[in-house]
Protein backbone atom coordinates (compact mmCIF):
# COMPACT_ATOMS: atom_id res chain seq x y z
CA MET A 1 0.00 0.00 0.00
CA LYS A 2 1.30 3.45 -0.93
CA PRO A 3 2.02 5.85 1.98
CA GLU A 4 -0.70 8.25 0.82
CA ASP A 5 -3.21 5.38 0.65
CA ALA A 6 -2.27 4.22 4.15
CA GLN A 7 -2.73 7.77 5.37
CA GLU A 8 -6.23 7.93 3.87
CA VAL A 9 -7.10 4.66 5.64
CA SER A 10 -5.94 6.19 8.93
CA PHE A 11 -8.05 9.30 8.32
CA ALA A 12 -11.04 7.05 7.63
CA THR A 13 -10.36 5.00 10.76
CA ALA A 14 -10.30 8.08 13.00
CA ALA A 15 -13.46 9.45 11.36
CA ALA A 16 -15.23 6.10 11.79
CA LEU A 17 -14.48 6.12 15.52
CA VAL A 18 -15.86 9.63 15.97
CA GLU A 19 -18.95 8.98 13.83
CA GLY A 20 -19.60 5.61 15.49
CA ALA A 21 -19.35 7.09 18.98
CA ALA A 22 -21.64 9.97 17.95
CA GLN A 23 -24.45 7.44 17.45
CA ILE A 24 -24.42 6.86 21.21
CA ILE A 25 -22.96 10.09 22.64
CA ARG A 26 -25.24 12.67 21.03
CA GLY A 27 -24.24 16.27 20.31
CA LYS A 28 -20.68 16.05 21.65
CA LYS A 29 -18.50 16.04 18.53
CA GLU A 30 -15.64 18.10 19.98
CA PHE A 31 -15.51 15.92 23.09
CA LEU A 32 -15.41 12.78 20.94
CA GLU A 33 -12.67 14.23 18.73
CA LEU A 34 -10.49 14.99 21.75
CA LEU A 35 -11.17 11.57 23.30
CA THR A 36 -10.39 9.80 20.02
CA ALA A 37 -7.18 11.81 19.72
CA ALA A 38 -6.11 10.74 23.21
CA ILE A 39 -6.82 7.08 22.44
CA LEU A 40 -4.96 7.21 19.12
CA ALA A 41 -2.03 8.88 20.90
CA GLY A 42 -1.93 5.99 23.37
CA GLY A 43 -2.93 8.16 26.32
CA HIS A 44 -5.26 7.75 29.28
CA VAL A 45 -8.21 10.04 29.93
CA LEU A 46 -9.82 11.42 33.09
CA ILE A 47 -13.46 12.40 32.59
CA GLU A 48 -14.60 14.77 35.32
CA ASP A 49 -18.30 15.55 35.28
CA ASN A 50 -21.64 15.32 37.03
CA PRO A 51 -23.48 11.99 37.45
CA GLY A 52 -25.67 10.60 34.68
CA LEU A 53 -24.00 12.27 31.69
CA GLY A 54 -22.74 9.08 30.06
CA LYS A 55 -19.16 8.74 31.33
CA THR A 56 -19.46 4.95 31.66
CA THR A 57 -21.24 4.70 28.31
CA VAL A 58 -18.32 6.46 26.60
CA ALA A 59 -15.89 3.70 27.58
CA LYS A 60 -18.30 0.92 26.59
CA THR A 61 -18.90 2.59 23.23
CA PHE A 62 -15.23 2.70 22.23
CA ALA A 63 -14.74 -0.88 23.38
CA LYS A 64 -17.43 -2.01 20.94
CA LEU A 65 -16.31 0.18 18.02
CA ILE A 66 -12.87 -1.44 17.72
CA GLY A 67 -13.15 -5.00 16.40
CA SER A 68 -10.78 -7.78 17.45
CA GLN A 69 -9.77 -10.80 15.38
CA ASP A 70 -10.40 -13.27 18.19
CA ARG A 71 -13.39 -11.51 19.74
CA ALA A 72 -16.18 -10.58 17.35
CA GLU A 73 -17.84 -8.39 19.96
CA GLY A 74 -14.86 -6.04 20.21
CA LEU A 75 -12.07 -5.37 22.65
CA ILE A 76 -11.87 -6.64 26.22
CA PHE A 77 -13.62 -4.10 28.43
CA LYS A 78 -13.42 -4.13 32.23
CA ARG A 79 -15.10 -1.79 34.68
CA ILE A 80 -13.75 -1.17 38.18
CA GLN A 81 -16.08 0.51 40.65
CA PHE A 82 -13.74 2.23 43.07
CA THR A 83 -14.83 2.17 46.72
CA PRO A 84 -13.01 2.87 50.02
CA ASP A 85 -12.72 -0.85 50.87
CA LEU A 86 -11.03 -1.82 47.59
CA LEU A 87 -7.56 -3.38 47.85
CA PRO A 88 -4.69 -3.13 45.32
CA TYR A 89 -4.82 -6.81 44.33
CA ASP A 90 -8.55 -6.41 43.56
CA ILE A 91 -7.55 -4.52 40.42
CA THR A 92 -4.07 -5.83 39.57
CA GLY A 93 -4.66 -9.55 40.23
CA VAL A 94 -3.15 -11.97 42.72
CA ASP A 95 -1.25 -15.27 42.97
CA VAL A 96 -3.45 -18.03 44.43
CA PHE A 97 -2.41 -21.49 45.52
CA ASP A 98 -3.67 -24.36 43.34
CA PRO A 99 -3.90 -27.51 45.52
CA GLU A 100 -3.99 -29.82 42.48
CA SER A 101 -0.72 -28.63 40.98
CA ARG A 102 0.69 -27.64 44.37
CA SER A 103 1.83 -24.34 42.94
CA PHE A 104 0.72 -20.75 42.70
CA ARG A 105 -1.10 -19.47 39.63
CA PHE A 106 -1.83 -15.89 38.69
CA VAL A 107 -5.45 -14.75 38.55
CA PRO A 108 -5.45 -11.55 36.45
CA GLY A 109 -7.26 -8.49 37.72
CA PRO A 110 -9.57 -6.26 35.67
CA VAL A 111 -6.74 -3.84 34.87
CA LEU A 112 -5.30 -6.40 32.41
CA ALA A 113 -7.81 -5.56 29.66
CA ASN A 114 -7.82 -3.45 26.51
CA ILE A 115 -10.09 -0.74 27.89
CA VAL A 116 -10.31 -0.21 31.64
CA LEU A 117 -13.00 2.02 33.10
CA ALA A 118 -11.89 3.28 36.51
CA ASP A 119 -15.25 4.52 37.74
CA GLU A 120 -15.23 7.19 40.46
CA ILE A 121 -11.50 6.77 40.89
CA ASN A 122 -11.37 9.37 43.67
CA ARG A 123 -13.57 7.23 45.96
CA THR A 124 -10.80 4.78 46.81
CA THR A 125 -7.73 5.21 48.97
CA PRO A 126 -4.39 6.52 47.70
CA LYS A 127 -2.88 3.04 48.17
CA VAL A 128 -5.29 1.59 45.61
CA GLN A 129 -4.98 4.61 43.32
CA SER A 130 -1.22 4.08 43.25
CA ALA A 131 -1.75 0.48 42.09
CA LEU A 132 -2.73 1.95 38.73
CA LEU A 133 0.49 3.95 38.36
CA GLU A 134 2.68 1.15 37.05
CA VAL A 135 0.24 -0.18 34.47
CA MET A 136 -0.67 3.32 33.24
CA ALA A 137 2.94 4.42 32.82
CA GLU A 138 4.79 1.18 32.04
CA ARG A 139 2.04 -1.01 30.53
CA GLN A 140 2.82 -3.78 33.01
CA VAL A 141 1.80 -5.17 36.39
CA THR A 142 4.36 -6.70 38.76
CA ILE A 143 3.06 -9.34 41.18
CA GLY A 144 5.82 -10.87 43.29
CA ALA A 145 8.68 -11.78 40.97
CA ALA A 146 6.52 -12.01 37.83
CA THR A 147 5.56 -9.26 35.39
CA HIS A 148 2.26 -9.35 33.50
CA TYR A 149 1.28 -7.23 30.50
CA PRO A 150 -2.13 -5.96 29.39
CA PRO A 151 -3.17 -6.63 25.79
CA GLU A 152 -2.70 -4.00 23.10
CA PRO A 153 -4.25 -1.56 22.64
CA PHE A 154 -4.50 -0.57 26.29
CA PHE A 155 -5.89 2.59 27.81
CA VAL A 156 -7.62 3.72 30.98
CA ILE A 157 -10.70 5.94 31.08
CA ALA A 158 -11.22 7.17 34.64
CA THR A 159 -14.17 9.15 35.95
CA GLU A 160 -14.73 11.31 38.97
CA ASN A 161 -17.55 13.45 40.29
CA PRO A 162 -16.37 17.05 40.93
CA ILE A 163 -19.38 18.19 42.98
CA GLU A 164 -18.96 15.79 45.92
CA SER A 165 -16.05 15.80 48.35
CA GLU A 166 -17.41 13.65 51.18
CA GLY A 167 -15.83 10.21 51.16
CA THR A 168 -13.40 11.04 48.36
CA PHE A 169 -9.60 11.02 48.15
CA PRO A 170 -8.09 13.61 45.78
CA LEU A 171 -5.79 12.13 43.17
CA PRO A 172 -2.10 12.82 43.87
CA ALA A 173 -0.07 14.83 41.39
CA ALA A 174 1.84 11.73 40.25
CA GLN A 175 -1.44 10.02 39.34
CA LEU A 176 -2.86 13.04 37.53
CA ASP A 177 0.33 13.39 35.49
CA ARG A 178 -0.29 9.92 33.98
CA PHE A 179 -3.50 11.11 32.33
CA MET A 180 -2.99 12.64 28.91
CA MET A 181 -6.21 14.65 29.11
CA ARG A 182 -8.91 15.68 31.52
CA LEU A 183 -12.20 16.11 29.69
CA SER A 184 -15.77 17.06 30.56
CA LEU A 185 -18.89 15.91 28.74
CA GLY A 186 -21.23 18.64 29.91
CA TYR A 187 -24.99 18.65 29.57
CA PRO A 188 -26.46 17.92 26.11
CA SER A 189 -28.15 20.54 23.98
CA ARG A 190 -31.96 20.61 23.79
CA GLU A 191 -31.91 18.90 20.39
CA ALA A 192 -29.56 16.18 21.63
CA GLU A 193 -31.63 15.68 24.77
CA LEU A 194 -34.80 15.21 22.71
CA SER A 195 -32.94 12.62 20.65
CA ILE A 196 -31.91 10.83 23.85
CA LEU A 197 -35.51 10.82 25.08
CA GLU A 198 -36.73 9.34 21.79
CA GLU A 199 -34.26 6.45 22.03
CA ASN A 200 -32.07 5.80 25.04
CA PRO A 201 -28.78 5.19 23.18
CA ALA A 202 -27.05 3.82 26.28
CA GLU A 203 -29.46 0.88 26.27
CA GLY A 204 -30.76 -0.25 22.87
CA GLY A 205 -28.29 1.73 20.78
CA LEU A 206 -25.25 0.35 22.58
CA GLN A 207 -26.49 -3.24 22.23
CA ARG A 208 -26.89 -2.83 18.47
CA LEU A 209 -23.57 -1.06 17.98
CA GLU A 210 -21.20 -2.98 15.71
CA PRO A 211 -17.41 -2.60 15.34
CA THR A 212 -16.59 0.05 12.75
CA VAL A 213 -12.80 -0.42 12.55
CA THR A 214 -10.55 -3.45 12.75
CA ILE A 215 -7.81 -3.78 15.31
CA ASP A 216 -5.21 -3.71 12.51
CA ASP A 217 -6.56 -0.43 11.11
CA PHE A 218 -6.70 1.04 14.62
CA MET A 219 -3.07 0.17 15.35
CA ALA A 220 -2.08 1.51 11.92
CA ALA A 221 -3.88 4.78 12.73
CA ARG A 222 -1.94 4.97 16.00
CA LYS A 223 1.30 4.65 14.08
CA ALA A 224 0.15 7.25 11.54
CA ALA A 225 -0.77 9.66 14.34
CA ALA A 226 2.75 9.46 15.75
CA GLU A 227 4.15 10.39 12.33
CA VAL A 228 2.02 13.51 11.74
CA PHE A 229 4.25 16.47 10.90
CA CYS A 230 4.73 19.21 13.49
CA HIS A 231 6.69 22.32 12.56
CA ALA A 232 9.66 23.25 14.72
CA SER A 233 8.03 26.58 15.66
CA LEU A 234 5.04 24.73 17.12
CA LYS A 235 7.33 22.42 19.10
CA GLU A 236 9.06 25.52 20.45
CA ALA A 237 5.66 26.94 21.41
CA ILE A 238 4.84 23.74 23.31
CA ALA A 239 8.16 23.87 25.18
CA ASP A 240 7.63 27.54 26.02
CA MET A 241 4.04 26.94 27.21
CA VAL A 242 5.16 24.19 29.56
CA ARG A 243 8.01 26.33 30.89
CA ASP A 244 5.67 29.32 31.31
CA THR A 245 3.50 27.34 33.73
CA ARG A 246 6.55 26.81 35.97
CA VAL A 247 7.23 30.54 36.38
CA HIS A 248 3.66 31.89 36.17
CA ARG A 249 2.59 33.63 39.38
CA GLY A 250 -0.78 31.89 39.27
CA PHE A 251 0.68 28.41 39.70
CA VAL A 252 2.52 26.80 42.61
CA LEU A 253 3.24 23.62 40.64
CA GLY A 254 3.99 23.81 36.92
CA ALA A 255 3.75 21.22 34.16
CA SER A 256 6.22 18.33 33.88
CA PRO A 257 8.24 17.35 30.79
CA ARG A 258 5.73 14.51 30.35
CA ALA A 259 3.03 17.17 29.90
CA GLY A 260 4.90 18.61 26.91
CA ILE A 261 5.30 15.15 25.38
CA HIS A 262 1.58 14.47 25.86
CA LEU A 263 0.65 17.82 24.31
CA LEU A 264 2.73 17.09 21.21
CA GLU A 265 1.38 13.53 20.87
CA ALA A 266 -2.20 14.69 21.37
CA ALA A 267 -1.79 17.49 18.81
CA ARG A 268 -0.52 15.03 16.20
CA ALA A 269 -3.41 12.65 16.89
CA LEU A 270 -6.00 15.46 16.80
CA ALA A 271 -4.66 16.59 13.43
CA LEU A 272 -5.19 13.03 12.16
CA VAL A 273 -8.72 12.95 13.59
CA ARG A 274 -9.47 16.17 11.71
CA GLY A 275 -8.10 14.79 8.45
CA ARG A 276 -4.76 16.57 8.34
CA ALA A 277 -1.19 15.32 8.06
CA PHE A 278 0.21 18.33 9.94
CA VAL A 279 -0.33 20.09 13.27
CA THR A 280 -1.72 23.64 13.38
CA ASP A 281 -1.75 26.30 16.07
CA GLU A 282 -5.50 25.69 16.42
CA ASP A 283 -4.77 22.13 17.57
CA LEU A 284 -2.57 23.49 20.35
CA ALA A 285 -5.23 26.03 21.35
CA ASN A 286 -7.87 23.27 21.57
CA LEU A 287 -5.63 20.95 23.58
CA ALA A 288 -3.69 23.22 25.95
CA ALA A 289 -6.32 23.25 28.71
CA PRO A 290 -7.38 19.56 28.49
CA VAL A 291 -3.76 18.38 28.52
CA LEU A 292 -2.21 20.80 31.03
CA ALA A 293 -4.87 22.04 33.48
CA HIS A 294 -5.19 18.94 35.66
CA ARG A 295 -1.42 18.77 36.22
CA LEU A 296 -1.07 22.27 37.67
CA LYS A 297 -1.62 23.49 41.22
CA LEU A 298 -3.12 26.94 41.55
CA ARG A 299 -1.76 29.47 44.00
CA ASP A 300 -5.28 30.80 44.53
CA PRO A 301 -7.92 28.01 44.49
CA ARG A 302 -10.49 30.54 43.31
CA SER A 303 -8.58 31.13 40.08
CA GLN A 304 -9.55 29.45 36.82
CA GLY A 305 -6.65 27.31 35.71
CA GLU A 306 -8.06 26.68 32.24
CA LYS A 307 -8.34 30.41 31.60
CA LEU A 308 -4.73 31.04 32.65
CA ILE A 309 -3.51 28.22 30.40
CA ARG A 310 -5.45 29.57 27.40
CA GLU A 311 -3.87 32.97 27.95
CA ILE A 312 -0.40 31.42 28.03
CA CYS A 313 -1.16 29.35 24.91
CA LEU A 314 -2.61 32.24 22.91
CA ALA A 315 0.35 34.45 23.77
CA ARG A 316 2.77 31.82 22.44
CA ILE A 317 0.67 31.18 19.31
CA ASP A 318 0.47 34.91 18.57
CA GLY A 319 4.25 35.00 18.87
CA ILE A 320 4.51 32.38 16.12
CA LYS A 321 2.20 34.34 13.82
CA THR A 322 4.24 37.52 14.19
CA LEU A 323 7.52 35.85 13.24
């Protein structure tokens, strides 16, 4: 296959994911584009929003859209309901003694799946939250002396409710830094809500949803996303944005080098989702807040971190345009 033909297939794959998800998640095209970009970039996503907006449905939808050769119904999807009494081995797996073989065998936990939904992740203790760190960063789980690997593709979609603080444990900075993006669904428009009332897509629509892309095409699109061209001036803007957060008076904790890597990877993937083989300054403007905001600690809790980040981003983009 010619390179240009392979690129067109990758464009079609990304578009199929967005269009397929839009059948279930109504009226949220920009949200779906950003989520698809994160998945194609190999990143994890934290969805922070009010109850009942479809956060769980989002993860189930993408699990069904990507077909697998050995599983006609799609990728392996596991949901973990985080609660205060959860233990680390409940999610990673554990070695159990088999009396017949007189040896230990590993029973894999739900984290060893293609798509893991960490539901209400802030309702469990920091000890359990930290059990996700290794698999999110290294794509592996170490139990005793053995190392176990999740299947590819692998990504975590975590959710948390921002309006309740009772019985919750805020995610530590190290955990938040593992998430490529923090997104919010928001309430649907009136037109979308009428469509939801006509047919509950989370019930009947999700059951009828068929895979729209093959696992081979999905992995090829991932590779294509990593190869999207980004001009040196835009890379410089990313580096400057990240460095600006470290000296800005509004922040106590700035962005890490991993944040800059995630911003570049997400921008390349978003360009692919939008049918382009190159990154634009608009991609950076759309992604700066979702990629950076959750990693930063505000000096004044009453400040709006997203607004400060947009100001930093726009200042750097304007600097590119005036060169």
